Amino acid sequence: MLSLPKTVKLEKEYENEILDYLNQRGDCLAFKVNTMGVFDITTGRHRSKSKYDLNGQADITAAFKGGIVIFFEVKKPGGRQSPAQKAFEDRLKKLGNRYFVVVTVDDVRKAINESL
């Protein structure tokens, strides 16, 4: 009997699980900023990015009660940060911010426990 290959989750699915968890906590507002270019059907091309769109920006920004903000870069298992993502992380950490590379909700829970 043939077994079907395991389906591999997309990074977007991990992001959605994490966003659902964060926003259901009750002490957090979590959101994703779309940094991909938007396709304009009226012109047939992508709109240009703002000069303030940052390359490598974290996938999720989470603002917690008490003024604590945590940035999460979501990767699927085995995924690695791009050079732009590492540079963004370094800039944030130099400013004293919290930034974590995560895969699962459990990773996020650990990061929150370290930060709150």
C-alpha atoms as a PDB file:
ATOM      1  CA  MET A   1       0.000   0.000   0.000  1.00  0.00           C
ATOM      2  CA  LEU A   2       1.342   3.413  -0.982  1.00  0.00           C
ATOM      3  CA  SER A   3       1.448   6.128   1.584  1.00  0.00           C
ATOM      4  CA  LEU A   4       0.847   9.707   0.610  1.00  0.00           C
ATOM      5  CA  PRO A   5       3.727  12.089   1.200  1.00  0.00           C
ATOM      6  CA  LYS A   6       3.385  14.324   4.216  1.00  0.00           C
ATOM      7  CA  THR A   7       2.314  17.776   3.214  1.00  0.00           C
ATOM      8  CA  VAL A   8       4.787  20.432   4.162  1.00  0.00           C
ATOM      9  CA  LYS A   9       3.351  23.562   5.753  1.00  0.00           C
ATOM     10  CA  LEU A  10       3.987  26.846   4.072  1.00  0.00           C
ATOM     11  CA  GLU A  11       5.626  29.622   6.066  1.00  0.00           C
ATOM     12  CA  LYS A  12       2.340  31.546   5.751  1.00  0.00           C
ATOM     13  CA  GLU A  13       0.556  28.772   7.676  1.00  0.00           C
ATOM     14  CA  TYR A  14       3.038  29.080  10.548  1.00  0.00           C
ATOM     15  CA  GLU A  15       2.539  32.852  10.500  1.00  0.00           C
ATOM     16  CA  ASN A  16      -1.248  32.487  10.685  1.00  0.00           C
ATOM     17  CA  GLU A  17      -1.060  30.036  13.608  1.00  0.00           C
ATOM     18  CA  ILE A  18       1.224  32.431  15.478  1.00  0.00           C
ATOM     19  CA  LEU A  19      -0.929  35.484  14.722  1.00  0.00           C
ATOM     20  CA  ASP A  20      -4.049  33.589  15.871  1.00  0.00           C
ATOM     21  CA  TYR A  21      -2.329  32.627  19.127  1.00  0.00           C
ATOM     22  CA  LEU A  22      -1.012  36.126  19.834  1.00  0.00           C
ATOM     23  CA  ASN A  23      -4.294  37.882  19.111  1.00  0.00           C
ATOM     24  CA  GLN A  24      -6.276  35.421  21.249  1.00  0.00           C
ATOM     25  CA  ARG A  25      -4.104  36.067  24.329  1.00  0.00           C
ATOM     26  CA  GLY A  26      -5.983  39.197  25.360  1.00  0.00           C
ATOM     27  CA  ASP A  27      -2.833  41.173  26.235  1.00  0.00           C
ATOM     28  CA  CYS A  28      -1.456  41.588  22.735  1.00  0.00           C
ATOM     29  CA  LEU A  29      -2.121  43.254  19.404  1.00  0.00           C
ATOM     30  CA  ALA A  30      -0.191  41.368  16.728  1.00  0.00           C
ATOM     31  CA  PHE A  31      -0.071  42.192  13.049  1.00  0.00           C
ATOM     32  CA  LYS A  32       1.765  41.569   9.822  1.00  0.00           C
ATOM     33  CA  VAL A  33       2.881  44.404   7.581  1.00  0.00           C
ATOM     34  CA  ASN A  34       2.735  43.483   3.924  1.00  0.00           C
ATOM     35  CA  THR A  35       6.055  44.498   2.393  1.00  0.00           C
ATOM     36  CA  MET A  36       5.505  42.757  -0.924  1.00  0.00           C
ATOM     37  CA  GLY A  37       4.708  44.931  -3.899  1.00  0.00           C
ATOM     38  CA  VAL A  38       1.022  45.243  -4.715  1.00  0.00           C
ATOM     39  CA  PHE A  39      -0.092  44.392  -8.232  1.00  0.00           C
ATOM     40  CA  ASP A  40      -2.273  47.125  -9.728  1.00  0.00           C
ATOM     41  CA  ILE A  41      -4.692  45.615 -12.246  1.00  0.00           C
ATOM     42  CA  THR A  42      -5.501  49.022 -13.741  1.00  0.00           C
ATOM     43  CA  THR A  43      -1.885  49.620 -14.799  1.00  0.00           C
ATOM     44  CA  GLY A  44      -0.869  45.979 -15.190  1.00  0.00           C
ATOM     45  CA  ARG A  45       2.223  46.358 -13.006  1.00  0.00           C
ATOM     46  CA  HIS A  46       3.364  46.359  -9.398  1.00  0.00           C
ATOM     47  CA  ARG A  47       3.116  49.597  -7.458  1.00  0.00           C
ATOM     48  CA  SER A  48       6.436  50.943  -6.301  1.00  0.00           C
ATOM     49  CA  LYS A  49       7.338  50.541  -2.656  1.00  0.00           C
ATOM     50  CA  SER A  50       7.495  53.486  -0.293  1.00  0.00           C
ATOM     51  CA  LYS A  51      10.957  54.789   0.521  1.00  0.00           C
ATOM     52  CA  TYR A  52      10.146  53.802   4.133  1.00  0.00           C
ATOM     53  CA  ASP A  53       9.473  50.127   3.366  1.00  0.00           C
ATOM     54  CA  LEU A  54      12.359  48.311   5.016  1.00  0.00           C
ATOM     55  CA  ASN A  55      14.013  45.317   3.401  1.00  0.00           C
ATOM     56  CA  GLY A  56      14.155  42.383   5.794  1.00  0.00           C
ATOM     57  CA  GLN A  57      11.370  43.674   8.045  1.00  0.00           C
ATOM     58  CA  ALA A  58      10.113  41.122  10.588  1.00  0.00           C
ATOM     59  CA  ASP A  59       7.019  39.121   9.647  1.00  0.00           C
ATOM     60  CA  ILE A  60       5.066  39.886  12.820  1.00  0.00           C
ATOM     61  CA  THR A  61       5.027  42.832  15.195  1.00  0.00           C
ATOM     62  CA  ALA A  62       3.419  42.133  18.572  1.00  0.00           C
ATOM     63  CA  ALA A  63       2.586  44.943  21.021  1.00  0.00           C
ATOM     64  CA  PHE A  64       1.913  43.775  24.585  1.00  0.00           C
ATOM     65  CA  LYS A  65       0.248  45.402  27.540  1.00  0.00           C
ATOM     66  CA  GLY A  66       2.782  47.548  29.367  1.00  0.00           C
ATOM     67  CA  GLY A  67       4.446  48.904  26.231  1.00  0.00           C
ATOM     68  CA  ILE A  68       6.545  45.870  25.308  1.00  0.00           C
ATOM     69  CA  VAL A  69       6.946  45.214  21.587  1.00  0.00           C
ATOM     70  CA  ILE A  70       8.387  41.992  20.161  1.00  0.00           C
ATOM     71  CA  PHE A  71       9.332  41.401  16.533  1.00  0.00           C
ATOM     72  CA  PHE A  72       9.021  37.856  15.168  1.00  0.00           C
ATOM     73  CA  GLU A  73      10.621  36.516  12.004  1.00  0.00           C
ATOM     74  CA  VAL A  74       8.766  33.321  11.068  1.00  0.00           C
ATOM     75  CA  LYS A  75      10.595  30.539   9.268  1.00  0.00           C
ATOM     76  CA  LYS A  76       9.515  27.053   8.340  1.00  0.00           C
ATOM     77  CA  PRO A  77      11.686  24.277   9.793  1.00  0.00           C
ATOM     78  CA  GLY A  78      15.198  24.548   8.376  1.00  0.00           C
ATOM     79  CA  GLY A  79      14.563  28.061   7.025  1.00  0.00           C
ATOM     80  CA  ARG A  80      17.232  30.724   7.383  1.00  0.00           C
ATOM     81  CA  GLN A  81      17.224  34.488   7.506  1.00  0.00           C
ATOM     82  CA  SER A  82      18.279  36.487   4.483  1.00  0.00           C
ATOM     83  CA  PRO A  83      21.120  39.012   4.858  1.00  0.00           C
ATOM     84  CA  ALA A  84      18.515  41.826   4.881  1.00  0.00           C
ATOM     85  CA  GLN A  85      16.594  40.092   7.695  1.00  0.00           C
ATOM     86  CA  LYS A  86      19.776  39.693   9.751  1.00  0.00           C
ATOM     87  CA  ALA A  87      20.595  43.369   9.212  1.00  0.00           C
ATOM     88  CA  PHE A  88      17.072  44.360  10.334  1.00  0.00           C
ATOM     89  CA  GLU A  89      17.456  42.178  13.443  1.00  0.00           C
ATOM     90  CA  ASP A  90      20.815  43.775  14.245  1.00  0.00           C
ATOM     91  CA  ARG A  91      19.397  47.306  13.892  1.00  0.00           C
ATOM     92  CA  LEU A  92      16.492  46.520  16.211  1.00  0.00           C
ATOM     93  CA  LYS A  93      18.642  44.836  18.842  1.00  0.00           C
ATOM     94  CA  LYS A  94      21.125  47.742  18.852  1.00  0.00           C
ATOM     95  CA  LEU A  95      18.147  49.940  19.753  1.00  0.00           C
ATOM     96  CA  GLY A  96      17.245  47.607  22.638  1.00  0.00           C
ATOM     97  CA  ASN A  97      14.293  45.885  20.974  1.00  0.00           C
ATOM     98  CA  ARG A  98      13.245  42.243  21.195  1.00  0.00           C
ATOM     99  CA  TYR A  99      13.513  40.159  18.017  1.00  0.00           C
ATOM    100  CA  PHE A 100      13.126  36.402  17.683  1.00  0.00           C
ATOM    101  CA  VAL A 101      13.297  33.932  14.820  1.00  0.00           C
ATOM    102  CA  VAL A 102      10.506  31.402  15.413  1.00  0.00           C
ATOM    103  CA  VAL A 103       8.812  28.456  13.753  1.00  0.00           C
ATOM    104  CA  THR A 104       6.023  27.381  16.070  1.00  0.00           C
ATOM    105  CA  VAL A 105       3.648  28.793  18.649  1.00  0.00           C
ATOM    106  CA  ASP A 106       5.799  27.070  21.293  1.00  0.00           C
ATOM    107  CA  ASP A 107       8.798  29.111  20.099  1.00  0.00           C
ATOM    108  CA  VAL A 108       6.683  32.252  20.475  1.00  0.00           C
ATOM    109  CA  ARG A 109       5.593  31.257  23.995  1.00  0.00           C
ATOM    110  CA  LYS A 110       9.251  30.836  25.007  1.00  0.00           C
ATOM    111  CA  ALA A 111      10.154  34.218  23.510  1.00  0.00           C
ATOM    112  CA  ILE A 112       7.291  35.900  25.357  1.00  0.00           C
ATOM    113  CA  ASN A 113       8.296  34.261  28.646  1.00  0.00           C
ATOM    114  CA  GLU A 114      11.829  35.640  28.169  1.00  0.00           C
ATOM    115  CA  SER A 115      10.508  39.118  27.391  1.00  0.00           C
ATOM    116  CA  LEU A 116       7.594  39.811  29.730  1.00  0.00           C
END
